[in-house]
N, C-alpha and C. Protein backbone atom coordinates (compact mmCIF):
# COMPACT_ATOMS: atom_id res chain seq x y z
N UNK A 1 69.38 -18.80 38.65
CA UNK A 1 69.22 -19.33 39.96
C UNK A 1 67.94 -18.88 40.62
N UNK A 2 67.44 -17.70 40.27
CA UNK A 2 66.21 -17.21 40.87
C UNK A 2 65.01 -18.05 40.43
N UNK A 3 65.09 -18.63 39.25
CA UNK A 3 63.99 -19.45 38.75
C UNK A 3 63.84 -20.72 39.55
N UNK A 4 64.88 -21.32 39.96
CA UNK A 4 64.80 -22.59 40.68
C UNK A 4 64.24 -22.41 42.08
N UNK A 5 64.27 -21.21 42.62
CA UNK A 5 63.75 -20.97 43.97
C UNK A 5 62.23 -21.02 43.99
N UNK A 6 61.56 -20.69 42.89
CA UNK A 6 60.09 -20.66 42.84
C UNK A 6 59.50 -22.00 42.46
N UNK A 7 60.23 -22.90 41.96
CA UNK A 7 59.71 -24.19 41.52
C UNK A 7 59.65 -25.15 42.69
N UNK A 8 58.56 -25.93 42.76
CA UNK A 8 58.47 -26.95 43.80
C UNK A 8 59.19 -28.20 43.30
N UNK A 9 59.66 -29.05 44.19
CA UNK A 9 60.42 -30.20 43.74
C UNK A 9 59.57 -31.24 43.03
N UNK A 10 58.24 -31.38 43.40
CA UNK A 10 57.40 -32.42 42.77
C UNK A 10 56.99 -32.00 41.36
N UNK A 11 56.41 -30.84 41.25
CA UNK A 11 55.94 -30.32 39.95
C UNK A 11 56.51 -28.93 39.77
N UNK A 12 57.55 -28.82 39.06
CA UNK A 12 58.25 -27.54 39.00
C UNK A 12 57.47 -26.42 38.28
N UNK A 13 56.47 -26.68 37.42
CA UNK A 13 55.81 -25.60 36.66
C UNK A 13 54.34 -25.43 37.01
N UNK A 14 53.72 -26.19 37.88
CA UNK A 14 52.31 -26.09 38.19
C UNK A 14 52.06 -25.29 39.46
N UNK A 15 50.87 -24.65 39.47
CA UNK A 15 50.45 -23.92 40.66
C UNK A 15 49.94 -24.92 41.69
N UNK A 16 50.26 -24.74 42.95
CA UNK A 16 49.81 -25.70 43.95
C UNK A 16 48.30 -25.64 44.12
N UNK A 17 47.66 -26.77 44.47
CA UNK A 17 46.22 -26.87 44.66
C UNK A 17 45.86 -26.25 46.00
N UNK A 18 44.99 -25.20 45.96
CA UNK A 18 44.58 -24.51 47.19
C UNK A 18 43.07 -24.61 47.39
N UNK A 19 42.40 -25.56 46.74
CA UNK A 19 40.95 -25.69 46.85
C UNK A 19 40.50 -26.13 48.23
N UNK A 20 41.37 -26.72 48.98
CA UNK A 20 41.00 -27.18 50.32
C UNK A 20 41.02 -26.05 51.34
N UNK A 21 41.57 -24.89 50.98
CA UNK A 21 41.66 -23.77 51.90
C UNK A 21 40.32 -23.04 51.92
N UNK A 22 39.76 -22.88 53.11
CA UNK A 22 38.50 -22.18 53.28
C UNK A 22 38.68 -21.05 54.30
N UNK A 23 38.17 -19.84 53.90
CA UNK A 23 38.20 -18.72 54.84
C UNK A 23 36.79 -18.17 54.91
N UNK A 24 36.06 -18.50 55.95
CA UNK A 24 34.65 -18.15 56.08
C UNK A 24 34.49 -16.66 56.30
N UNK A 25 35.41 -16.00 56.90
CA UNK A 25 35.28 -14.59 57.24
C UNK A 25 35.41 -13.67 56.03
N UNK A 26 35.99 -14.11 54.96
CA UNK A 26 36.23 -13.25 53.81
C UNK A 26 35.28 -13.65 52.68
N UNK A 27 34.40 -12.74 52.21
CA UNK A 27 33.51 -12.99 51.06
C UNK A 27 33.82 -11.96 49.98
N UNK A 28 33.21 -10.75 50.05
CA UNK A 28 33.55 -9.68 49.13
C UNK A 28 33.38 -8.35 49.86
N UNK A 29 33.95 -7.34 49.32
CA UNK A 29 33.90 -6.03 49.94
C UNK A 29 32.56 -5.37 49.64
N UNK A 30 31.80 -5.03 50.66
CA UNK A 30 30.53 -4.32 50.47
C UNK A 30 30.76 -2.86 50.15
N UNK A 31 31.88 -2.35 50.44
CA UNK A 31 32.15 -0.93 50.20
C UNK A 31 32.55 -0.65 48.75
N UNK A 32 32.83 -1.64 47.95
CA UNK A 32 33.24 -1.41 46.56
C UNK A 32 32.06 -0.96 45.69
N UNK A 33 30.99 -1.78 45.59
CA UNK A 33 29.82 -1.48 44.75
C UNK A 33 28.56 -1.76 45.56
N UNK A 34 27.67 -0.76 45.59
CA UNK A 34 26.38 -0.94 46.27
C UNK A 34 25.33 -1.23 45.19
N UNK A 35 25.06 -2.51 44.95
CA UNK A 35 24.16 -2.93 43.87
C UNK A 35 22.74 -2.44 44.13
N UNK A 36 22.30 -2.49 45.35
CA UNK A 36 20.93 -2.07 45.68
C UNK A 36 20.74 -0.58 45.37
N UNK A 37 21.71 0.24 45.67
CA UNK A 37 21.60 1.67 45.39
C UNK A 37 21.56 1.94 43.89
N UNK A 38 22.34 1.19 43.11
CA UNK A 38 22.34 1.38 41.65
C UNK A 38 20.99 0.98 41.06
N UNK A 39 20.44 -0.16 41.47
CA UNK A 39 19.14 -0.59 40.96
C UNK A 39 18.04 0.37 41.37
N UNK A 40 18.09 0.90 42.57
CA UNK A 40 17.10 1.88 43.01
C UNK A 40 17.20 3.15 42.17
N UNK A 41 18.41 3.60 41.88
CA UNK A 41 18.60 4.79 41.06
C UNK A 41 18.02 4.59 39.65
N UNK A 42 18.28 3.43 39.05
CA UNK A 42 17.78 3.15 37.70
C UNK A 42 16.25 3.11 37.71
N UNK A 43 15.65 2.50 38.72
CA UNK A 43 14.18 2.43 38.80
C UNK A 43 13.58 3.82 38.97
N UNK A 44 14.15 4.63 39.86
CA UNK A 44 13.64 5.99 40.08
C UNK A 44 13.81 6.82 38.80
N UNK A 45 14.94 6.68 38.12
CA UNK A 45 15.18 7.42 36.89
C UNK A 45 14.16 7.04 35.81
N UNK A 46 13.85 5.76 35.68
CA UNK A 46 12.86 5.31 34.69
C UNK A 46 11.48 5.87 35.01
N UNK A 47 11.08 5.79 36.26
CA UNK A 47 9.75 6.30 36.65
C UNK A 47 9.67 7.80 36.42
N UNK A 48 10.70 8.54 36.78
CA UNK A 48 10.68 9.99 36.59
C UNK A 48 10.65 10.35 35.10
N UNK A 49 11.36 9.60 34.27
CA UNK A 49 11.33 9.85 32.82
C UNK A 49 9.93 9.66 32.27
N UNK A 50 9.26 8.59 32.68
CA UNK A 50 7.88 8.36 32.23
C UNK A 50 6.94 9.45 32.72
N UNK A 51 7.10 9.90 33.97
CA UNK A 51 6.25 10.97 34.51
C UNK A 51 6.44 12.25 33.71
N UNK A 52 7.68 12.58 33.40
CA UNK A 52 7.95 13.80 32.62
C UNK A 52 7.37 13.69 31.22
N UNK A 53 7.51 12.52 30.57
CA UNK A 53 6.97 12.34 29.21
C UNK A 53 5.45 12.49 29.20
N UNK A 54 4.76 11.82 30.12
CA UNK A 54 3.30 11.95 30.18
C UNK A 54 2.89 13.37 30.54
N UNK A 55 3.64 14.00 31.43
CA UNK A 55 3.33 15.39 31.79
C UNK A 55 3.44 16.32 30.59
N UNK A 56 4.50 16.17 29.80
CA UNK A 56 4.65 17.00 28.60
C UNK A 56 3.56 16.72 27.57
N UNK A 57 3.19 15.45 27.42
CA UNK A 57 2.13 15.11 26.47
C UNK A 57 0.83 15.82 26.85
N UNK A 58 0.44 15.72 28.11
CA UNK A 58 -0.81 16.37 28.54
C UNK A 58 -0.70 17.88 28.52
N UNK A 59 0.48 18.42 28.77
CA UNK A 59 0.67 19.87 28.70
C UNK A 59 0.47 20.37 27.28
N UNK A 60 1.08 19.69 26.30
CA UNK A 60 0.89 20.10 24.90
C UNK A 60 -0.55 19.89 24.46
N UNK A 61 -1.19 18.82 24.92
CA UNK A 61 -2.60 18.61 24.59
C UNK A 61 -3.45 19.77 25.12
N UNK A 62 -3.17 20.21 26.34
CA UNK A 62 -3.91 21.32 26.94
C UNK A 62 -3.68 22.62 26.16
N UNK A 63 -2.42 22.88 25.77
CA UNK A 63 -2.12 24.09 25.00
C UNK A 63 -2.80 24.07 23.63
N UNK A 64 -2.78 22.92 22.97
CA UNK A 64 -3.45 22.83 21.66
C UNK A 64 -4.95 23.03 21.80
N UNK A 65 -5.56 22.50 22.85
CA UNK A 65 -7.00 22.71 23.07
C UNK A 65 -7.30 24.18 23.30
N UNK A 66 -6.44 24.88 24.04
CA UNK A 66 -6.65 26.32 24.26
C UNK A 66 -6.54 27.10 22.96
N UNK A 67 -5.57 26.73 22.12
CA UNK A 67 -5.41 27.44 20.85
C UNK A 67 -6.62 27.22 19.96
N UNK A 68 -7.11 25.97 19.88
CA UNK A 68 -8.28 25.68 19.05
C UNK A 68 -9.52 26.39 19.58
N UNK A 69 -9.66 26.48 20.90
CA UNK A 69 -10.83 27.16 21.47
C UNK A 69 -10.76 28.66 21.20
N UNK A 70 -9.56 29.22 21.12
CA UNK A 70 -9.40 30.65 20.90
C UNK A 70 -9.53 31.05 19.45
N UNK A 71 -9.49 30.09 18.52
CA UNK A 71 -9.62 30.41 17.10
C UNK A 71 -11.04 30.84 16.79
N UNK A 72 -11.20 31.92 16.04
CA UNK A 72 -12.56 32.31 15.66
C UNK A 72 -13.15 31.32 14.66
N UNK A 73 -14.43 31.12 14.73
CA UNK A 73 -15.11 30.22 13.80
C UNK A 73 -15.16 30.89 12.43
N UNK A 74 -15.07 30.10 11.34
CA UNK A 74 -15.12 30.71 10.00
C UNK A 74 -16.48 31.36 9.77
N UNK A 75 -16.46 32.43 9.01
CA UNK A 75 -17.69 33.16 8.72
C UNK A 75 -18.61 32.35 7.81
N UNK A 76 -19.86 32.79 7.69
CA UNK A 76 -20.81 32.04 6.87
C UNK A 76 -20.48 32.09 5.38
N UNK A 77 -19.70 33.05 4.95
CA UNK A 77 -19.34 33.15 3.54
C UNK A 77 -18.01 32.48 3.22
N UNK A 78 -17.35 31.93 4.23
CA UNK A 78 -16.05 31.28 4.02
C UNK A 78 -16.23 30.03 3.17
N UNK A 79 -15.27 29.80 2.28
CA UNK A 79 -15.34 28.63 1.41
C UNK A 79 -14.82 27.40 2.16
N UNK A 80 -15.43 26.28 1.87
CA UNK A 80 -14.96 25.02 2.45
C UNK A 80 -13.72 24.57 1.70
N UNK A 81 -13.10 23.52 2.18
CA UNK A 81 -11.88 23.01 1.55
C UNK A 81 -12.18 22.57 0.11
N UNK A 82 -13.30 21.89 -0.10
CA UNK A 82 -13.65 21.41 -1.43
C UNK A 82 -13.95 22.57 -2.38
N UNK A 83 -14.51 23.66 -1.87
CA UNK A 83 -14.82 24.80 -2.72
C UNK A 83 -13.56 25.56 -3.16
N UNK A 84 -12.48 25.43 -2.40
CA UNK A 84 -11.23 26.11 -2.76
C UNK A 84 -10.43 25.37 -3.81
N UNK A 85 -10.81 24.17 -4.14
CA UNK A 85 -10.09 23.41 -5.16
C UNK A 85 -10.26 24.08 -6.52
N UNK A 86 -9.28 23.93 -7.39
CA UNK A 86 -9.44 24.46 -8.75
C UNK A 86 -10.49 23.65 -9.51
N UNK A 87 -11.02 24.20 -10.59
CA UNK A 87 -12.05 23.47 -11.33
C UNK A 87 -11.47 22.23 -12.00
N UNK A 88 -12.36 21.31 -12.35
CA UNK A 88 -11.96 20.07 -13.04
C UNK A 88 -11.49 20.43 -14.44
N UNK A 89 -10.65 19.72 -15.06
CA UNK A 89 -9.85 18.59 -14.60
C UNK A 89 -8.68 19.08 -13.79
N UNK A 90 -8.36 18.35 -12.74
CA UNK A 90 -7.25 18.71 -11.85
C UNK A 90 -6.02 17.87 -12.20
N UNK A 91 -4.87 18.39 -11.86
CA UNK A 91 -3.63 17.66 -12.08
C UNK A 91 -3.57 16.45 -11.16
N UNK A 92 -2.94 15.40 -11.64
CA UNK A 92 -2.76 14.23 -10.78
C UNK A 92 -1.90 14.60 -9.60
N UNK A 93 -2.19 13.98 -8.46
CA UNK A 93 -1.45 14.18 -7.22
C UNK A 93 -1.69 15.55 -6.61
N UNK A 94 -2.65 16.32 -7.13
CA UNK A 94 -2.97 17.63 -6.59
C UNK A 94 -4.12 17.49 -5.60
N UNK A 95 -4.28 18.47 -4.69
CA UNK A 95 -5.41 18.40 -3.76
C UNK A 95 -6.74 18.37 -4.51
N UNK A 96 -7.61 17.48 -4.10
CA UNK A 96 -8.92 17.37 -4.71
C UNK A 96 -8.98 16.45 -5.91
N UNK A 97 -7.85 15.87 -6.31
CA UNK A 97 -7.86 14.99 -7.47
C UNK A 97 -8.47 13.66 -7.07
N UNK A 98 -9.40 13.19 -7.87
CA UNK A 98 -10.04 11.91 -7.59
C UNK A 98 -10.78 11.42 -8.81
N UNK A 99 -11.56 10.38 -8.61
CA UNK A 99 -12.24 9.71 -9.70
C UNK A 99 -13.64 9.34 -9.26
N UNK A 100 -14.62 9.70 -10.05
CA UNK A 100 -16.00 9.30 -9.76
C UNK A 100 -16.35 8.15 -10.69
N UNK A 101 -16.65 7.01 -10.10
CA UNK A 101 -16.98 5.82 -10.88
C UNK A 101 -18.41 5.91 -11.39
N UNK A 102 -18.76 5.00 -12.29
CA UNK A 102 -20.09 5.02 -12.89
C UNK A 102 -21.18 4.76 -11.86
N UNK A 103 -20.86 4.04 -10.78
CA UNK A 103 -21.86 3.77 -9.75
C UNK A 103 -21.98 4.91 -8.76
N UNK A 104 -21.26 6.01 -8.97
CA UNK A 104 -21.36 7.19 -8.11
C UNK A 104 -20.33 7.22 -7.00
N UNK A 105 -19.54 6.19 -6.85
CA UNK A 105 -18.55 6.14 -5.78
C UNK A 105 -17.39 7.07 -6.12
N UNK A 106 -16.92 7.83 -5.11
CA UNK A 106 -15.80 8.76 -5.28
C UNK A 106 -14.56 8.12 -4.69
N UNK A 107 -13.49 8.09 -5.47
CA UNK A 107 -12.21 7.54 -5.01
C UNK A 107 -11.21 8.68 -4.98
N UNK A 108 -10.65 8.94 -3.79
CA UNK A 108 -9.68 10.01 -3.61
C UNK A 108 -8.31 9.53 -4.07
N UNK A 109 -7.72 10.24 -5.03
CA UNK A 109 -6.42 9.86 -5.59
C UNK A 109 -5.38 10.96 -5.38
N UNK A 110 -5.56 11.77 -4.32
CA UNK A 110 -4.70 12.94 -4.12
C UNK A 110 -3.22 12.59 -4.06
N UNK A 111 -2.83 11.69 -3.22
CA UNK A 111 -1.40 11.43 -3.01
C UNK A 111 -1.05 10.00 -3.38
N UNK A 112 -1.55 9.57 -4.52
CA UNK A 112 -1.23 8.22 -4.98
C UNK A 112 -0.39 8.30 -6.24
N UNK A 113 0.11 7.15 -6.67
CA UNK A 113 0.98 7.10 -7.84
C UNK A 113 0.19 7.52 -9.09
N UNK A 114 0.87 7.98 -10.12
CA UNK A 114 0.18 8.47 -11.32
C UNK A 114 -0.72 7.44 -11.99
N UNK A 115 -0.39 6.16 -11.92
CA UNK A 115 -1.19 5.14 -12.59
C UNK A 115 -2.40 4.71 -11.77
N UNK A 116 -2.64 5.32 -10.62
CA UNK A 116 -3.74 4.90 -9.75
C UNK A 116 -5.10 5.11 -10.42
N UNK A 117 -5.25 6.19 -11.19
CA UNK A 117 -6.51 6.45 -11.86
C UNK A 117 -6.82 5.33 -12.85
N UNK A 118 -5.84 4.95 -13.65
CA UNK A 118 -6.04 3.88 -14.61
C UNK A 118 -6.34 2.55 -13.90
N UNK A 119 -5.64 2.27 -12.80
CA UNK A 119 -5.87 1.02 -12.08
C UNK A 119 -7.29 0.94 -11.54
N UNK A 120 -7.80 2.06 -11.01
CA UNK A 120 -9.17 2.05 -10.48
C UNK A 120 -10.19 1.87 -11.61
N UNK A 121 -9.97 2.56 -12.74
CA UNK A 121 -10.87 2.39 -13.88
C UNK A 121 -10.80 0.96 -14.41
N UNK A 122 -9.61 0.41 -14.45
CA UNK A 122 -9.43 -0.97 -14.93
C UNK A 122 -10.20 -1.96 -14.05
N UNK A 123 -10.16 -1.75 -12.72
CA UNK A 123 -10.92 -2.61 -11.80
C UNK A 123 -12.42 -2.52 -12.11
N UNK A 124 -12.90 -1.31 -12.34
CA UNK A 124 -14.32 -1.13 -12.64
C UNK A 124 -14.68 -1.80 -13.96
N UNK A 125 -13.85 -1.64 -14.98
CA UNK A 125 -14.12 -2.25 -16.28
C UNK A 125 -14.13 -3.77 -16.19
N UNK A 126 -13.15 -4.33 -15.44
CA UNK A 126 -13.11 -5.79 -15.30
C UNK A 126 -14.33 -6.31 -14.54
N UNK A 127 -14.79 -5.56 -13.56
CA UNK A 127 -15.99 -5.95 -12.83
C UNK A 127 -17.20 -5.92 -13.76
N UNK A 128 -17.28 -4.91 -14.62
CA UNK A 128 -18.38 -4.82 -15.57
C UNK A 128 -18.32 -5.99 -16.55
N UNK A 129 -17.12 -6.36 -16.99
CA UNK A 129 -16.99 -7.49 -17.91
C UNK A 129 -17.40 -8.80 -17.24
N UNK A 130 -17.07 -8.97 -15.97
CA UNK A 130 -17.42 -10.20 -15.26
C UNK A 130 -18.90 -10.28 -14.92
N UNK A 131 -19.48 -9.16 -14.45
CA UNK A 131 -20.84 -9.19 -13.92
C UNK A 131 -21.89 -8.67 -14.89
N UNK A 132 -21.47 -7.98 -15.91
CA UNK A 132 -22.42 -7.38 -16.84
C UNK A 132 -22.72 -5.94 -16.44
N UNK A 133 -23.30 -5.19 -17.37
CA UNK A 133 -23.60 -3.79 -17.15
C UNK A 133 -24.86 -3.65 -16.30
N UNK A 134 -24.84 -2.73 -15.32
CA UNK A 134 -25.98 -2.52 -14.43
C UNK A 134 -26.36 -1.06 -14.45
N UNK A 135 -27.66 -0.79 -14.25
CA UNK A 135 -28.10 0.60 -14.20
C UNK A 135 -27.97 1.14 -12.78
N UNK A 136 -28.50 2.36 -12.54
CA UNK A 136 -28.36 3.01 -11.23
C UNK A 136 -29.00 2.22 -10.11
N UNK A 137 -30.08 1.50 -10.39
CA UNK A 137 -30.77 0.75 -9.34
C UNK A 137 -30.12 -0.61 -9.09
N UNK A 138 -29.16 -1.00 -9.90
CA UNK A 138 -28.46 -2.26 -9.69
C UNK A 138 -29.00 -3.40 -10.54
N UNK A 139 -29.99 -3.13 -11.37
CA UNK A 139 -30.53 -4.19 -12.24
C UNK A 139 -29.60 -4.39 -13.43
N UNK A 140 -29.48 -5.61 -13.86
CA UNK A 140 -28.61 -5.93 -14.99
C UNK A 140 -29.26 -5.46 -16.28
N UNK A 141 -28.54 -4.70 -17.08
CA UNK A 141 -29.03 -4.24 -18.37
C UNK A 141 -28.17 -4.79 -19.50
N UNK A 142 -27.21 -5.59 -19.18
CA UNK A 142 -26.33 -6.21 -20.16
C UNK A 142 -25.82 -7.53 -19.63
N UNK A 143 -25.08 -8.22 -20.44
CA UNK A 143 -24.53 -9.51 -20.06
C UNK A 143 -23.02 -9.40 -19.92
N UNK A 144 -22.48 -10.32 -19.17
CA UNK A 144 -21.02 -10.40 -19.11
C UNK A 144 -20.54 -11.01 -20.43
N UNK A 145 -19.29 -10.84 -20.76
CA UNK A 145 -18.75 -11.34 -22.02
C UNK A 145 -18.86 -12.86 -22.09
N UNK A 146 -18.55 -13.54 -20.99
CA UNK A 146 -18.63 -15.01 -20.99
C UNK A 146 -20.05 -15.49 -21.25
N UNK A 147 -21.04 -14.83 -20.59
CA UNK A 147 -22.44 -15.21 -20.81
C UNK A 147 -22.87 -14.93 -22.24
N UNK A 148 -22.43 -13.80 -22.80
CA UNK A 148 -22.80 -13.46 -24.17
C UNK A 148 -22.21 -14.46 -25.16
N UNK A 149 -20.96 -14.88 -24.96
CA UNK A 149 -20.36 -15.86 -25.87
C UNK A 149 -21.07 -17.20 -25.77
N UNK A 150 -21.42 -17.61 -24.55
CA UNK A 150 -22.16 -18.87 -24.38
C UNK A 150 -23.52 -18.79 -25.04
N UNK A 151 -24.21 -17.64 -24.90
CA UNK A 151 -25.53 -17.48 -25.50
C UNK A 151 -25.44 -17.52 -27.03
N UNK A 152 -24.41 -16.91 -27.58
CA UNK A 152 -24.27 -16.94 -29.05
C UNK A 152 -24.06 -18.36 -29.53
N UNK A 153 -23.25 -19.10 -28.87
CA UNK A 153 -22.95 -20.47 -29.30
C UNK A 153 -24.15 -21.39 -29.05
N UNK A 154 -24.73 -21.32 -27.87
CA UNK A 154 -25.80 -22.25 -27.49
C UNK A 154 -27.15 -21.91 -28.13
N UNK A 155 -27.49 -20.63 -28.20
CA UNK A 155 -28.81 -20.24 -28.69
C UNK A 155 -28.81 -19.90 -30.17
N UNK A 156 -27.66 -19.99 -30.82
CA UNK A 156 -27.53 -19.71 -32.26
C UNK A 156 -28.11 -18.34 -32.59
N UNK A 157 -27.64 -17.30 -31.88
CA UNK A 157 -28.13 -15.94 -32.11
C UNK A 157 -27.58 -15.33 -33.38
N UNK A 158 -26.45 -15.83 -33.86
CA UNK A 158 -25.85 -15.31 -35.08
C UNK A 158 -26.12 -16.31 -36.20
N UNK A 159 -26.75 -15.88 -37.31
CA UNK A 159 -27.04 -16.82 -38.39
C UNK A 159 -25.74 -17.26 -39.06
N UNK A 160 -25.71 -18.50 -39.48
CA UNK A 160 -24.54 -19.04 -40.17
C UNK A 160 -24.97 -19.58 -41.53
N UNK A 161 -24.01 -19.64 -42.46
CA UNK A 161 -24.29 -20.20 -43.77
C UNK A 161 -23.82 -21.63 -43.82
N UNK A 162 -24.51 -22.38 -44.60
CA UNK A 162 -24.06 -23.75 -44.78
C UNK A 162 -22.89 -23.73 -45.76
N UNK A 163 -22.10 -24.71 -45.73
CA UNK A 163 -20.94 -24.79 -46.59
C UNK A 163 -21.35 -25.03 -48.04
N UNK A 164 -22.47 -25.69 -48.26
CA UNK A 164 -22.92 -25.97 -49.63
C UNK A 164 -23.32 -24.69 -50.34
N UNK A 165 -23.88 -23.74 -49.64
CA UNK A 165 -24.31 -22.48 -50.26
C UNK A 165 -23.16 -21.53 -50.52
N UNK A 166 -21.99 -21.81 -50.02
CA UNK A 166 -20.86 -20.90 -50.17
C UNK A 166 -20.37 -20.87 -51.61
N UNK A 167 -20.61 -21.95 -52.40
CA UNK A 167 -20.15 -21.98 -53.79
C UNK A 167 -20.93 -20.99 -54.65
N UNK A 168 -22.18 -20.77 -54.33
CA UNK A 168 -23.03 -19.91 -55.14
C UNK A 168 -22.73 -18.43 -54.94
N UNK A 169 -22.17 -18.11 -53.79
CA UNK A 169 -21.93 -16.70 -53.49
C UNK A 169 -20.68 -16.22 -54.19
N UNK A 170 -20.64 -14.90 -54.46
CA UNK A 170 -19.43 -14.29 -55.01
C UNK A 170 -18.33 -14.37 -53.97
N UNK A 171 -17.14 -14.33 -54.49
CA UNK A 171 -16.05 -14.27 -53.53
C UNK A 171 -16.03 -12.86 -52.95
N UNK A 172 -15.45 -12.76 -51.79
CA UNK A 172 -15.47 -11.48 -51.09
C UNK A 172 -14.21 -10.68 -51.37
N UNK A 173 -13.90 -10.41 -52.57
CA UNK A 173 -12.74 -9.61 -52.92
C UNK A 173 -13.02 -8.14 -52.67
N UNK A 174 -11.99 -7.33 -52.67
CA UNK A 174 -12.11 -5.91 -52.42
C UNK A 174 -11.81 -5.18 -53.71
N UNK A 175 -12.67 -4.24 -54.08
CA UNK A 175 -12.46 -3.43 -55.28
C UNK A 175 -11.64 -2.21 -54.91
N UNK A 176 -10.46 -2.12 -55.51
CA UNK A 176 -9.58 -0.97 -55.26
C UNK A 176 -9.26 -0.29 -56.58
N UNK A 177 -9.09 1.02 -56.56
CA UNK A 177 -8.72 1.72 -57.80
C UNK A 177 -7.34 1.30 -58.26
N UNK A 178 -7.17 1.24 -59.56
CA UNK A 178 -5.87 0.84 -60.10
C UNK A 178 -5.00 2.05 -60.32
N UNK A 179 -3.70 1.83 -60.32
CA UNK A 179 -2.77 2.93 -60.56
C UNK A 179 -2.80 3.37 -62.02
N UNK A 180 -3.01 2.42 -62.94
CA UNK A 180 -2.97 2.75 -64.37
C UNK A 180 -4.13 3.64 -64.78
N UNK A 181 -5.27 3.52 -64.12
CA UNK A 181 -6.43 4.31 -64.53
C UNK A 181 -6.58 5.58 -63.72
N UNK A 182 -5.61 5.89 -62.89
CA UNK A 182 -5.66 7.08 -62.02
C UNK A 182 -6.90 7.07 -61.13
N UNK A 183 -7.34 5.91 -60.74
CA UNK A 183 -8.45 5.80 -59.80
C UNK A 183 -9.79 5.69 -60.45
N UNK A 184 -9.90 5.73 -61.83
CA UNK A 184 -11.22 5.66 -62.48
C UNK A 184 -11.71 4.26 -62.61
N UNK A 185 -10.84 3.29 -62.71
CA UNK A 185 -11.24 1.89 -62.84
C UNK A 185 -10.76 1.14 -61.59
N UNK A 186 -11.49 0.07 -61.27
CA UNK A 186 -11.13 -0.70 -60.08
C UNK A 186 -10.78 -2.12 -60.48
N UNK A 187 -10.06 -2.77 -59.61
CA UNK A 187 -9.78 -4.18 -59.82
C UNK A 187 -10.11 -4.89 -58.51
N UNK A 188 -10.49 -6.14 -58.62
CA UNK A 188 -10.88 -6.91 -57.46
C UNK A 188 -9.66 -7.63 -56.90
N UNK A 189 -9.35 -7.39 -55.62
CA UNK A 189 -8.26 -8.06 -54.95
C UNK A 189 -8.82 -9.16 -54.05
N UNK A 190 -8.08 -10.25 -53.96
CA UNK A 190 -8.55 -11.34 -53.11
C UNK A 190 -7.67 -11.49 -51.93
C-alpha cells in the first residue's frame, strides 16, 4: 500500500517534469569551495618552486667556482693526462685508446664498442680503394681499383697471347715428387 501512495495517477513510474521551475535566488554555495584561492595557491607554489630551484642552481655554481679557485695550480713537473696513459699498445676501451690514421688524423676510441677500431680502419681502406692512394701532401700516387681495371682493359697494359700460339707452348702441368721414388723422381700433373 505504501507504493501506491508515491505513484501519480497519470504516469505511475516517471518523475514529474520540473524544468519550468525557476529559482533566481539560489545558484551555488560560495562557502563550499573558493576556486580563486586554490588557483592563487597553485600559482604561488609554482613560482616559489622555480625560485628555489634557480636559487639552488646558482648557489651550487658559486660553491663550485670557489672550490676551483681555491685549488692549487699543478706544478711545472706535473704530468698531463696524456702523459699518464700507459705506453702503446693500450687495451681497447681503456683511457687513451685510439687510432692514428695514415693521413695523421687521430680517432679517440676510448669508450666505444670493441669493433670500432676495425670499422674506422675499414672506412679508411674503402676510401683508399675508391679514391686511390695519396701521399702526405694529398697528391695521388696510386689509382683506385676501378680505374686500374679500366686502364688494364682499355690500354692493354697486360700482354696477352693469341690463341693460335697456345698450341706451340708446353702445357702448364706441375712437377711433383712421386711416392714410389721417395721424392727423387717427379711426375707432371695436369
